[in-house]
Amino acid sequence: MAKTTIPDPIKRRHLIEQDLGEAQCLALADAYEAEGRTFESLQFLEKAGAKDRMAEVVERAVASGDAFLLKQVSDLMGQDPGAQRWSSLAEVAEREGLERYAEMAHRHARSSEE
């Protein structure tokens, strides 16, 4: 299988700053996802207005216990995931031995309750 071509970091920065069409943004997001680089795909999903795809990333972050990914995608969406979602993520992170992620999720769950 051929390796997907993604832009180098400088080209990526330029693409983020340019006005791109939805299809081009989604193609770039897909290329980053294919390489397992979800964080880098998020900005292109945001530019494309792909809220449904970003919501899928939220669910994947919770299911895998990835607090940093949940924080990033939630910030881009402008939505607090809420205490329950953070607590669910913390449980997964603890089960997976991801102490730093679990601690971060517990902290965000407490601040979401306030």
PDB file of N, CA and C in Angstrom:
ATOM      1  N   MET A   1       0.833  -1.176   0.000  1.00  0.00           N
ATOM      2  CA  MET A   1       0.000   0.000   0.000  1.00  0.00           C
ATOM      3  C   MET A   1       0.881   1.244   0.000  1.00  0.00           C
ATOM      4  N   ALA A   2       0.576   2.184  -0.842  1.00  0.00           N
ATOM      5  CA  ALA A   2       1.365   3.416  -0.950  1.00  0.00           C
ATOM      6  C   ALA A   2       1.151   4.297   0.273  1.00  0.00           C
ATOM      7  N   LYS A   3       2.213   4.931   0.683  1.00  0.00           N
ATOM      8  CA  LYS A   3       2.149   5.821   1.825  1.00  0.00           C
ATOM      9  C   LYS A   3       1.458   7.131   1.403  1.00  0.00           C
ATOM     10  N   THR A   4       0.555   7.599   2.261  1.00  0.00           N
ATOM     11  CA  THR A   4      -0.159   8.840   1.984  1.00  0.00           C
ATOM     12  C   THR A   4       0.812  10.004   2.080  1.00  0.00           C
ATOM     13  N   THR A   5       0.663  10.944   1.186  1.00  0.00           N
ATOM     14  CA  THR A   5       1.525  12.115   1.191  1.00  0.00           C
ATOM     15  C   THR A   5       0.838  13.225   1.977  1.00  0.00           C
ATOM     16  N   ILE A   6       1.518  13.691   3.008  1.00  0.00           N
ATOM     17  CA  ILE A   6       1.009  14.818   3.772  1.00  0.00           C
ATOM     18  C   ILE A   6       2.002  15.963   3.631  1.00  0.00           C
ATOM     19  N   PRO A   7       1.533  17.181   3.781  1.00  0.00           N
ATOM     20  CA  PRO A   7       2.427  18.329   3.622  1.00  0.00           C
ATOM     21  C   PRO A   7       3.500  18.368   4.707  1.00  0.00           C
ATOM     22  N   ASP A   8       4.646  18.943   4.372  1.00  0.00           N
ATOM     23  CA  ASP A   8       5.661  19.153   5.391  1.00  0.00           C
ATOM     24  C   ASP A   8       5.140  20.241   6.347  1.00  0.00           C
ATOM     25  N   PRO A   9       5.764  20.413   7.505  1.00  0.00           N
ATOM     26  CA  PRO A   9       5.241  21.358   8.502  1.00  0.00           C
ATOM     27  C   PRO A   9       5.058  22.793   8.001  1.00  0.00           C
ATOM     28  N   ILE A  10       5.965  23.275   7.182  1.00  0.00           N
ATOM     29  CA  ILE A  10       5.843  24.650   6.682  1.00  0.00           C
ATOM     30  C   ILE A  10       4.662  24.754   5.716  1.00  0.00           C
ATOM     31  N   LYS A  11       4.546  23.798   4.810  1.00  0.00           N
ATOM     32  CA  LYS A  11       3.422  23.782   3.868  1.00  0.00           C
ATOM     33  C   LYS A  11       2.104  23.644   4.640  1.00  0.00           C
ATOM     34  N   ARG A  12       2.096  22.820   5.680  1.00  0.00           N
ATOM     35  CA  ARG A  12       0.896  22.651   6.505  1.00  0.00           C
ATOM     36  C   ARG A  12       0.472  23.986   7.106  1.00  0.00           C
ATOM     37  N   ARG A  13       1.423  24.730   7.659  1.00  0.00           N
ATOM     38  CA  ARG A  13       1.128  26.037   8.254  1.00  0.00           C
ATOM     39  C   ARG A  13       0.534  26.972   7.206  1.00  0.00           C
ATOM     40  N   HIS A  14       1.078  26.966   6.030  1.00  0.00           N
ATOM     41  CA  HIS A  14       0.566  27.814   4.950  1.00  0.00           C
ATOM     42  C   HIS A  14      -0.850  27.397   4.559  1.00  0.00           C
ATOM     43  N   LEU A  15      -1.098  26.089   4.494  1.00  0.00           N
ATOM     44  CA  LEU A  15      -2.432  25.604   4.151  1.00  0.00           C
ATOM     45  C   LEU A  15      -3.459  26.005   5.203  1.00  0.00           C
ATOM     46  N   ILE A  16      -3.070  25.949   6.458  1.00  0.00           N
ATOM     47  CA  ILE A  16      -3.981  26.341   7.539  1.00  0.00           C
ATOM     48  C   ILE A  16      -4.356  27.817   7.408  1.00  0.00           C
ATOM     49  N   GLU A  17      -3.418  28.631   6.980  1.00  0.00           N
ATOM     50  CA  GLU A  17      -3.656  30.068   6.870  1.00  0.00           C
ATOM     51  C   GLU A  17      -4.389  30.457   5.590  1.00  0.00           C
ATOM     52  N   GLN A  18      -4.439  29.573   4.603  1.00  0.00           N
ATOM     53  CA  GLN A  18      -5.086  29.882   3.324  1.00  0.00           C
ATOM     54  C   GLN A  18      -6.591  29.612   3.395  1.00  0.00           C
ATOM     55  N   ASP A  19      -7.306  30.239   2.466  1.00  0.00           N
ATOM     56  CA  ASP A  19      -8.717  29.910   2.279  1.00  0.00           C
ATOM     57  C   ASP A  19      -8.780  28.676   1.394  1.00  0.00           C
ATOM     58  N   LEU A  20      -9.234  27.575   1.967  1.00  0.00           N
ATOM     59  CA  LEU A  20      -9.346  26.320   1.231  1.00  0.00           C
ATOM     60  C   LEU A  20     -10.808  25.904   1.182  1.00  0.00           C
ATOM     61  N   GLY A  21     -11.161  25.176   0.165  1.00  0.00           N
ATOM     62  CA  GLY A  21     -12.507  24.637   0.067  1.00  0.00           C
ATOM     63  C   GLY A  21     -12.701  23.478   1.027  1.00  0.00           C
ATOM     64  N   GLU A  22     -13.957  23.187   1.300  1.00  0.00           N
ATOM     65  CA  GLU A  22     -14.305  22.108   2.219  1.00  0.00           C
ATOM     66  C   GLU A  22     -13.711  20.773   1.774  1.00  0.00           C
ATOM     67  N   ALA A  23     -13.819  20.465   0.499  1.00  0.00           N
ATOM     68  CA  ALA A  23     -13.312  19.185  -0.014  1.00  0.00           C
ATOM     69  C   ALA A  23     -11.807  19.067   0.188  1.00  0.00           C
ATOM     70  N   GLN A  24     -11.075  20.145  -0.057  1.00  0.00           N
ATOM     71  CA  GLN A  24      -9.628  20.105   0.118  1.00  0.00           C
ATOM     72  C   GLN A  24      -9.264  19.938   1.591  1.00  0.00           C
ATOM     73  N   CYS A  25      -9.987  20.628   2.470  1.00  0.00           N
ATOM     74  CA  CYS A  25      -9.735  20.497   3.910  1.00  0.00           C
ATOM     75  C   CYS A  25      -9.995  19.071   4.382  1.00  0.00           C
ATOM     76  N   LEU A  26     -11.090  18.485   3.904  1.00  0.00           N
ATOM     77  CA  LEU A  26     -11.409  17.108   4.298  1.00  0.00           C
ATOM     78  C   LEU A  26     -10.386  16.121   3.751  1.00  0.00           C
ATOM     79  N   ALA A  27      -9.903  16.350   2.533  1.00  0.00           N
ATOM     80  CA  ALA A  27      -8.875  15.469   1.972  1.00  0.00           C
ATOM     81  C   ALA A  27      -7.592  15.547   2.795  1.00  0.00           C
ATOM     82  N   LEU A  28      -7.227  16.743   3.215  1.00  0.00           N
ATOM     83  CA  LEU A  28      -6.036  16.901   4.057  1.00  0.00           C
ATOM     84  C   LEU A  28      -6.243  16.235   5.410  1.00  0.00           C
ATOM     85  N   ALA A  29      -7.419  16.421   5.992  1.00  0.00           N
ATOM     86  CA  ALA A  29      -7.725  15.776   7.275  1.00  0.00           C
ATOM     87  C   ALA A  29      -7.634  14.261   7.140  1.00  0.00           C
ATOM     88  N   ASP A  30      -8.178  13.729   6.054  1.00  0.00           N
ATOM     89  CA  ASP A  30      -8.120  12.283   5.813  1.00  0.00           C
ATOM     90  C   ASP A  30      -6.682  11.797   5.663  1.00  0.00           C
ATOM     91  N   ALA A  31      -5.850  12.581   4.989  1.00  0.00           N
ATOM     92  CA  ALA A  31      -4.444  12.194   4.810  1.00  0.00           C
ATOM     93  C   ALA A  31      -3.728  12.122   6.161  1.00  0.00           C
ATOM     94  N   TYR A  32      -3.989  13.099   7.025  1.00  0.00           N
ATOM     95  CA  TYR A  32      -3.373  13.058   8.351  1.00  0.00           C
ATOM     96  C   TYR A  32      -3.915  11.890   9.170  1.00  0.00           C
ATOM     97  N   GLU A  33      -5.205  11.653   9.094  1.00  0.00           N
ATOM     98  CA  GLU A  33      -5.796  10.523   9.812  1.00  0.00           C
ATOM     99  C   GLU A  33      -5.196   9.198   9.344  1.00  0.00           C
ATOM    100  N   ALA A  34      -4.990   9.063   8.049  1.00  0.00           N
ATOM    101  CA  ALA A  34      -4.418   7.838   7.495  1.00  0.00           C
ATOM    102  C   ALA A  34      -3.022   7.571   8.047  1.00  0.00           C
ATOM    103  N   GLU A  35      -2.335   8.636   8.423  1.00  0.00           N
ATOM    104  CA  GLU A  35      -0.995   8.512   8.998  1.00  0.00           C
ATOM    105  C   GLU A  35      -1.044   8.393  10.525  1.00  0.00           C
ATOM    106  N   GLY A  36      -2.260   8.375  11.097  1.00  0.00           N
ATOM    107  CA  GLY A  36      -2.404   8.284  12.547  1.00  0.00           C
ATOM    108  C   GLY A  36      -2.109   9.593  13.259  1.00  0.00           C
ATOM    109  N   ARG A  37      -2.236  10.703  12.540  1.00  0.00           N
ATOM    110  CA  ARG A  37      -1.891  12.022  13.091  1.00  0.00           C
ATOM    111  C   ARG A  37      -3.170  12.842  13.286  1.00  0.00           C
ATOM    112  N   THR A  38      -3.968  12.383  14.232  1.00  0.00           N
ATOM    113  CA  THR A  38      -5.279  12.980  14.480  1.00  0.00           C
ATOM    114  C   THR A  38      -5.182  14.442  14.891  1.00  0.00           C
ATOM    115  N   PHE A  39      -4.223  14.776  15.753  1.00  0.00           N
ATOM    116  CA  PHE A  39      -4.097  16.166  16.192  1.00  0.00           C
ATOM    117  C   PHE A  39      -3.965  17.112  15.005  1.00  0.00           C
ATOM    118  N   GLU A  40      -3.154  16.739  14.039  1.00  0.00           N
ATOM    119  CA  GLU A  40      -2.933  17.597  12.881  1.00  0.00           C
ATOM    120  C   GLU A  40      -4.141  17.624  11.945  1.00  0.00           C
ATOM    121  N   SER A  41      -4.945  16.589  11.987  1.00  0.00           N
ATOM    122  CA  SER A  41      -6.143  16.573  11.141  1.00  0.00           C
ATOM    123  C   SER A  41      -7.217  17.518  11.659  1.00  0.00           C
ATOM    124  N   LEU A  42      -7.189  17.802  12.956  1.00  0.00           N
ATOM    125  CA  LEU A  42      -8.268  18.583  13.569  1.00  0.00           C
ATOM    126  C   LEU A  42      -8.432  19.975  12.980  1.00  0.00           C
ATOM    127  N   GLN A  43      -7.350  20.658  12.714  1.00  0.00           N
ATOM    128  CA  GLN A  43      -7.466  22.012  12.178  1.00  0.00           C
ATOM    129  C   GLN A  43      -8.118  22.012  10.802  1.00  0.00           C
ATOM    130  N   PHE A  44      -7.863  20.977  10.026  1.00  0.00           N
ATOM    131  CA  PHE A  44      -8.487  20.896   8.712  1.00  0.00           C
ATOM    132  C   PHE A  44      -9.964  20.510   8.836  1.00  0.00           C
ATOM    133  N   LEU A  45     -10.295  19.671   9.811  1.00  0.00           N
ATOM    134  CA  LEU A  45     -11.706  19.366  10.057  1.00  0.00           C
ATOM    135  C   LEU A  45     -12.452  20.622  10.488  1.00  0.00           C
ATOM    136  N   GLU A  46     -11.808  21.422  11.333  1.00  0.00           N
ATOM    137  CA  GLU A  46     -12.430  22.672  11.777  1.00  0.00           C
ATOM    138  C   GLU A  46     -12.647  23.608  10.587  1.00  0.00           C
ATOM    139  N   LYS A  47     -11.623  23.762   9.744  1.00  0.00           N
ATOM    140  CA  LYS A  47     -11.740  24.635   8.564  1.00  0.00           C
ATOM    141  C   LYS A  47     -12.856  24.171   7.643  1.00  0.00           C
ATOM    142  N   ALA A  48     -13.066  22.857   7.575  1.00  0.00           N
ATOM    143  CA  ALA A  48     -14.106  22.299   6.708  1.00  0.00           C
ATOM    144  C   ALA A  48     -15.487  22.419   7.349  1.00  0.00           C
ATOM    145  N   GLY A  49     -15.526  22.764   8.635  1.00  0.00           N
ATOM    146  CA  GLY A  49     -16.807  22.830   9.330  1.00  0.00           C
ATOM    147  C   GLY A  49     -17.398  21.453   9.574  1.00  0.00           C
ATOM    148  N   ALA A  50     -16.538  20.453   9.686  1.00  0.00           N
ATOM    149  CA  ALA A  50     -16.968  19.058   9.826  1.00  0.00           C
ATOM    150  C   ALA A  50     -17.223  18.713  11.290  1.00  0.00           C
ATOM    151  N   LYS A  51     -18.249  19.322  11.849  1.00  0.00           N
ATOM    152  CA  LYS A  51     -18.590  19.109  13.271  1.00  0.00           C
ATOM    153  C   LYS A  51     -18.902  17.643  13.555  1.00  0.00           C
ATOM    154  N   ASP A  52     -19.541  16.954  12.614  1.00  0.00           N
ATOM    155  CA  ASP A  52     -19.857  15.547  12.821  1.00  0.00           C
ATOM    156  C   ASP A  52     -18.595  14.705  12.947  1.00  0.00           C
ATOM    157  N   ARG A  53     -17.618  14.993  12.110  1.00  0.00           N
ATOM    158  CA  ARG A  53     -16.345  14.258  12.174  1.00  0.00           C
ATOM    159  C   ARG A  53     -15.588  14.604  13.453  1.00  0.00           C
ATOM    160  N   MET A  54     -15.672  15.860  13.876  1.00  0.00           N
ATOM    161  CA  MET A  54     -15.010  16.258  15.118  1.00  0.00           C
ATOM    162  C   MET A  54     -15.693  15.584  16.306  1.00  0.00           C
ATOM    163  N   ALA A  55     -17.009  15.414  16.250  1.00  0.00           N
ATOM    164  CA  ALA A  55     -17.731  14.711  17.310  1.00  0.00           C
ATOM    165  C   ALA A  55     -17.278  13.248  17.385  1.00  0.00           C
ATOM    166  N   GLU A  56     -16.976  12.653  16.241  1.00  0.00           N
ATOM    167  CA  GLU A  56     -16.446  11.283  16.226  1.00  0.00           C
ATOM    168  C   GLU A  56     -15.090  11.230  16.927  1.00  0.00           C
ATOM    169  N   VAL A  57     -14.273  12.252  16.729  1.00  0.00           N
ATOM    170  CA  VAL A  57     -12.967  12.309  17.394  1.00  0.00           C
ATOM    171  C   VAL A  57     -13.164  12.420  18.908  1.00  0.00           C
ATOM    172  N   VAL A  58     -14.163  13.185  19.333  1.00  0.00           N
ATOM    173  CA  VAL A  58     -14.474  13.282  20.759  1.00  0.00           C
ATOM    174  C   VAL A  58     -14.751  11.891  21.307  1.00  0.00           C
ATOM    175  N   GLU A  59     -15.591  11.139  20.630  1.00  0.00           N
ATOM    176  CA  GLU A  59     -15.940   9.795  21.107  1.00  0.00           C
ATOM    177  C   GLU A  59     -14.725   8.867  21.123  1.00  0.00           C
ATOM    178  N   ARG A  60     -13.880   8.965  20.115  1.00  0.00           N
ATOM    179  CA  ARG A  60     -12.657   8.143  20.088  1.00  0.00           C
ATOM    180  C   ARG A  60     -11.725   8.516  21.228  1.00  0.00           C
ATOM    181  N   ALA A  61     -11.624   9.812  21.523  1.00  0.00           N
ATOM    182  CA  ALA A  61     -10.756  10.262  22.609  1.00  0.00           C
ATOM    183  C   ALA A  61     -11.240   9.695  23.938  1.00  0.00           C
ATOM    184  N   VAL A  62     -12.546   9.748  24.176  1.00  0.00           N
ATOM    185  CA  VAL A  62     -13.106   9.207  25.429  1.00  0.00           C
ATOM    186  C   VAL A  62     -12.876   7.706  25.491  1.00  0.00           C
ATOM    187  N   ALA A  63     -13.140   7.008  24.396  1.00  0.00           N
ATOM    188  CA  ALA A  63     -13.005   5.545  24.371  1.00  0.00           C
ATOM    189  C   ALA A  63     -11.567   5.082  24.577  1.00  0.00           C
ATOM    190  N   SER A  64     -10.600   5.918  24.174  1.00  0.00           N
ATOM    191  CA  SER A  64      -9.194   5.521  24.309  1.00  0.00           C
ATOM    192  C   SER A  64      -8.538   6.127  25.554  1.00  0.00           C
ATOM    193  N   GLY A  65      -9.247   7.011  26.254  1.00  0.00           N
ATOM    194  CA  GLY A  65      -8.681   7.641  27.452  1.00  0.00           C
ATOM    195  C   GLY A  65      -7.695   8.742  27.140  1.00  0.00           C
ATOM    196  N   ASP A  66      -7.810   9.364  25.968  1.00  0.00           N
ATOM    197  CA  ASP A  66      -6.857  10.391  25.541  1.00  0.00           C
ATOM    198  C   ASP A  66      -7.374  11.790  25.916  1.00  0.00           C
ATOM    199  N   ALA A  67      -6.983  12.247  27.106  1.00  0.00           N
ATOM    200  CA  ALA A  67      -7.446  13.536  27.625  1.00  0.00           C
ATOM    201  C   ALA A  67      -6.928  14.707  26.803  1.00  0.00           C
ATOM    202  N   PHE A  68      -5.723  14.609  26.304  1.00  0.00           N
ATOM    203  CA  PHE A  68      -5.169  15.716  25.524  1.00  0.00           C
ATOM    204  C   PHE A  68      -5.926  15.883  24.207  1.00  0.00           C
ATOM    205  N   LEU A  69      -6.283  14.785  23.577  1.00  0.00           N
ATOM    206  CA  LEU A  69      -7.046  14.850  22.338  1.00  0.00           C
ATOM    207  C   LEU A  69      -8.443  15.413  22.608  1.00  0.00           C
ATOM    208  N   LEU A  70      -9.080  14.971  23.683  1.00  0.00           N
ATOM    209  CA  LEU A  70     -10.409  15.492  24.018  1.00  0.00           C
ATOM    210  C   LEU A  70     -10.355  16.986  24.283  1.00  0.00           C
ATOM    211  N   LYS A  71      -9.353  17.438  24.994  1.00  0.00           N
ATOM    212  CA  LYS A  71      -9.214  18.870  25.277  1.00  0.00           C
ATOM    213  C   LYS A  71      -9.026  19.653  23.982  1.00  0.00           C
ATOM    214  N   GLN A  72      -8.181  19.168  23.099  1.00  0.00           N
ATOM    215  CA  GLN A  72      -7.904  19.868  21.836  1.00  0.00           C
ATOM    216  C   GLN A  72      -9.155  19.974  20.969  1.00  0.00           C
ATOM    217  N   VAL A  73      -9.828  18.868  20.751  1.00  0.00           N
ATOM    218  CA  VAL A  73     -11.001  18.892  19.871  1.00  0.00           C
ATOM    219  C   VAL A  73     -12.137  19.683  20.511  1.00  0.00           C
ATOM    220  N   SER A  74     -12.286  19.602  21.809  1.00  0.00           N
ATOM    221  CA  SER A  74     -13.331  20.368  22.494  1.00  0.00           C
ATOM    222  C   SER A  74     -13.074  21.859  22.395  1.00  0.00           C
ATOM    223  N   ASP A  75     -11.820  22.254  22.538  1.00  0.00           N
ATOM    224  CA  ASP A  75     -11.468  23.669  22.388  1.00  0.00           C
ATOM    225  C   ASP A  75     -11.773  24.157  20.977  1.00  0.00           C
ATOM    226  N   LEU A  76     -11.425  23.364  19.981  1.00  0.00           N
ATOM    227  CA  LEU A  76     -11.696  23.754  18.594  1.00  0.00           C
ATOM    228  C   LEU A  76     -13.192  23.850  18.323  1.00  0.00           C
ATOM    229  N   MET A  77     -13.968  22.993  18.961  1.00  0.00           N
ATOM    230  CA  MET A  77     -15.418  23.011  18.772  1.00  0.00           C
ATOM    231  C   MET A  77     -16.086  24.095  19.616  1.00  0.00           C
ATOM    232  N   GLY A  78     -15.342  24.621  20.595  1.00  0.00           N
ATOM    233  CA  GLY A  78     -15.907  25.639  21.479  1.00  0.00           C
ATOM    234  C   GLY A  78     -16.933  25.075  22.437  1.00  0.00           C
ATOM    235  N   GLN A  79     -16.751  23.812  22.821  1.00  0.00           N
ATOM    236  CA  GLN A  79     -17.707  23.149  23.702  1.00  0.00           C
ATOM    237  C   GLN A  79     -16.986  22.441  24.837  1.00  0.00           C
ATOM    238  N   ASP A  80     -17.528  22.578  26.034  1.00  0.00           N
ATOM    239  CA  ASP A  80     -17.033  21.818  27.176  1.00  0.00           C
ATOM    240  C   ASP A  80     -17.667  20.435  27.104  1.00  0.00           C
ATOM    241  N   PRO A  81     -16.880  19.370  27.127  1.00  0.00           N
ATOM    242  CA  PRO A  81     -17.457  18.029  27.036  1.00  0.00           C
ATOM    243  C   PRO A  81     -18.345  17.666  28.226  1.00  0.00           C
ATOM    244  N   GLY A  82     -18.189  18.363  29.337  1.00  0.00           N
ATOM    245  CA  GLY A  82     -19.002  18.094  30.514  1.00  0.00           C
ATOM    246  C   GLY A  82     -18.345  17.113  31.470  1.00  0.00           C
ATOM    247  N   ALA A  83     -18.758  17.199  32.708  1.00  0.00           N
ATOM    248  CA  ALA A  83     -18.161  16.398  33.772  1.00  0.00           C
ATOM    249  C   ALA A  83     -18.312  14.900  33.523  1.00  0.00           C
ATOM    250  N   GLN A  84     -19.464  14.475  33.032  1.00  0.00           N
ATOM    251  CA  GLN A  84     -19.694  13.042  32.813  1.00  0.00           C
ATOM    252  C   GLN A  84     -18.737  12.472  31.769  1.00  0.00           C
ATOM    253  N   ARG A  85     -18.545  13.184  30.686  1.00  0.00           N
ATOM    254  CA  ARG A  85     -17.650  12.697  29.632  1.00  0.00           C
ATOM    255  C   ARG A  85     -16.206  12.660  30.139  1.00  0.00           C
ATOM    256  N   TRP A  86     -15.800  13.710  30.873  1.00  0.00           N
ATOM    257  CA  TRP A  86     -14.450  13.720  31.441  1.00  0.00           C
ATOM    258  C   TRP A  86     -14.271  12.563  32.420  1.00  0.00           C
ATOM    259  N   SER A  87     -15.292  12.290  33.236  1.00  0.00           N
ATOM    260  CA  SER A  87     -15.197  11.181  34.202  1.00  0.00           C
ATOM    261  C   SER A  87     -15.096   9.843  33.487  1.00  0.00           C
ATOM    262  N   SER A  88     -15.848   9.681  32.406  1.00  0.00           N
ATOM    263  CA  SER A  88     -15.765   8.436  31.626  1.00  0.00           C
ATOM    264  C   SER A  88     -14.366   8.256  31.056  1.00  0.00           C
ATOM    265  N   LEU A  89     -13.810   9.337  30.536  1.00  0.00           N
ATOM    266  CA  LEU A  89     -12.458   9.277  29.993  1.00  0.00           C
ATOM    267  C   LEU A  89     -11.465   8.922  31.095  1.00  0.00           C
ATOM    268  N   ALA A  90     -11.633   9.511  32.280  1.00  0.00           N
ATOM    269  CA  ALA A  90     -10.727   9.225  33.399  1.00  0.00           C
ATOM    270  C   ALA A  90     -10.754   7.742  33.762  1.00  0.00           C
ATOM    271  N   GLU A  91     -11.934   7.139  33.753  1.00  0.00           N
ATOM    272  CA  GLU A  91     -12.045   5.702  34.063  1.00  0.00           C
ATOM    273  C   GLU A  91     -11.262   4.862  33.056  1.00  0.00           C
ATOM    274  N   VAL A  92     -11.403   5.191  31.781  1.00  0.00           N
ATOM    275  CA  VAL A  92     -10.678   4.457  30.743  1.00  0.00           C
ATOM    276  C   VAL A  92      -9.172   4.661  30.921  1.00  0.00           C
ATOM    277  N   ALA A  93      -8.767   5.898  31.142  1.00  0.00           N
ATOM    278  CA  ALA A  93      -7.341   6.199  31.295  1.00  0.00           C
ATOM    279  C   ALA A  93      -6.760   5.443  32.493  1.00  0.00           C
ATOM    280  N   GLU A  94      -7.482   5.392  33.586  1.00  0.00           N
ATOM    281  CA  GLU A  94      -7.005   4.649  34.759  1.00  0.00           C
ATOM    282  C   GLU A  94      -6.870   3.167  34.447  1.00  0.00           C
ATOM    283  N   ARG A  95      -7.860   2.619  33.770  1.00  0.00           N
ATOM    284  CA  ARG A  95      -7.834   1.202  33.394  1.00  0.00           C
ATOM    285  C   ARG A  95      -6.651   0.887  32.492  1.00  0.00           C
ATOM    286  N   GLU A  96      -6.292   1.840  31.619  1.00  0.00           N
ATOM    287  CA  GLU A  96      -5.192   1.654  30.672  1.00  0.00           C
ATOM    288  C   GLU A  96      -3.829   2.032  31.254  1.00  0.00           C
ATOM    289  N   GLY A  97      -3.808   2.509  32.501  1.00  0.00           N
ATOM    290  CA  GLY A  97      -2.546   2.898  33.128  1.00  0.00           C
ATOM    291  C   GLY A  97      -2.021   4.247  32.659  1.00  0.00           C
ATOM    292  N   LEU A  98      -2.907   5.092  32.175  1.00  0.00           N
ATOM    293  CA  LEU A  98      -2.527   6.424  31.683  1.00  0.00           C
ATOM    294  C   LEU A  98      -2.786   7.447  32.791  1.00  0.00           C
ATOM    295  N   GLU A  99      -1.902   7.436  33.796  1.00  0.00           N
ATOM    296  CA  GLU A  99      -2.131   8.248  34.990  1.00  0.00           C
ATOM    297  C   GLU A  99      -2.227   9.742  34.696  1.00  0.00           C
ATOM    298  N   ARG A 100      -1.367  10.247  33.844  1.00  0.00           N
ATOM    299  CA  ARG A 100      -1.382  11.678  33.522  1.00  0.00           C
ATOM    300  C   ARG A 100      -2.698  12.066  32.851  1.00  0.00           C
ATOM    301  N   TYR A 101      -3.172  11.231  31.939  1.00  0.00           N
ATOM    302  CA  TYR A 101      -4.438  11.502  31.264  1.00  0.00           C
ATOM    303  C   TYR A 101      -5.600  11.436  32.270  1.00  0.00           C
ATOM    304  N   ALA A 102      -5.548  10.442  33.159  1.00  0.00           N
ATOM    305  CA  ALA A 102      -6.605  10.300  34.164  1.00  0.00           C
ATOM    306  C   ALA A 102      -6.642  11.509  35.088  1.00  0.00           C
ATOM    307  N   GLU A 103      -5.488  11.968  35.523  1.00  0.00           N
ATOM    308  CA  GLU A 103      -5.429  13.129  36.418  1.00  0.00           C
ATOM    309  C   GLU A 103      -5.976  14.366  35.714  1.00  0.00           C
ATOM    310  N   MET A 104      -5.595  14.557  34.470  1.00  0.00           N
ATOM    311  CA  MET A 104      -6.090  15.702  33.704  1.00  0.00           C
ATOM    312  C   MET A 104      -7.608  15.625  33.549  1.00  0.00           C
ATOM    313  N   ALA A 105      -8.119  14.451  33.246  1.00  0.00           N
ATOM    314  CA  ALA A 105      -9.562  14.270  33.074  1.00  0.00           C
ATOM    315  C   ALA A 105     -10.310  14.532  34.375  1.00  0.00           C
ATOM    316  N   HIS A 106      -9.786  14.053  35.490  1.00  0.00           N
ATOM    317  CA  HIS A 106     -10.421  14.324  36.795  1.00  0.00           C
ATOM    318  C   HIS A 106     -10.448  15.828  37.073  1.00  0.00           C
ATOM    319  N   ARG A 107      -9.369  16.501  36.774  1.00  0.00           N
ATOM    320  CA  ARG A 107      -9.296  17.948  36.990  1.00  0.00           C
ATOM    321  C   ARG A 107     -10.344  18.678  36.145  1.00  0.00           C
ATOM    322  N   HIS A 108     -10.474  18.285  34.884  1.00  0.00           N
ATOM    323  CA  HIS A 108     -11.460  18.916  34.015  1.00  0.00           C
ATOM    324  C   HIS A 108     -12.886  18.561  34.434  1.00  0.00           C
ATOM    325  N   ALA A 109     -13.084  17.361  34.914  1.00  0.00           N
ATOM    326  CA  ALA A 109     -14.426  16.966  35.393  1.00  0.00           C
ATOM    327  C   ALA A 109     -14.835  17.845  36.579  1.00  0.00           C
ATOM    328  N   ARG A 110     -13.901  18.067  37.490  1.00  0.00           N
ATOM    329  CA  ARG A 110     -14.208  18.935  38.651  1.00  0.00           C
ATOM    330  C   ARG A 110     -14.536  20.361  38.202  1.00  0.00           C
ATOM    331  N   SER A 111     -13.737  20.898  37.257  1.00  0.00           N
ATOM    332  CA  SER A 111     -13.988  22.272  36.820  1.00  0.00           C
ATOM    333  C   SER A 111     -15.266  22.379  35.983  1.00  0.00           C
ATOM    334  N   SER A 112     -15.665  21.295  35.325  1.00  0.00           N
ATOM    335  CA  SER A 112     -16.917  21.312  34.552  1.00  0.00           C
ATOM    336  C   SER A 112     -18.137  21.304  35.462  1.00  0.00           C
ATOM    337  N   GLU A 113     -17.971  20.748  36.657  1.00  0.00           N
ATOM    338  CA  GLU A 113     -19.083  20.706  37.615  1.00  0.00           C
ATOM    339  C   GLU A 113     -19.345  22.071  38.245  1.00  0.00           C
ATOM    340  N   GLU A 114     -18.330  22.925  38.277  1.00  0.00           N
ATOM    341  CA  GLU A 114     -18.452  24.219  38.945  1.00  0.00           C
ATOM    342  C   GLU A 114     -19.249  25.215  38.161  1.00  0.00           C
TER     343      GLU A 114
END
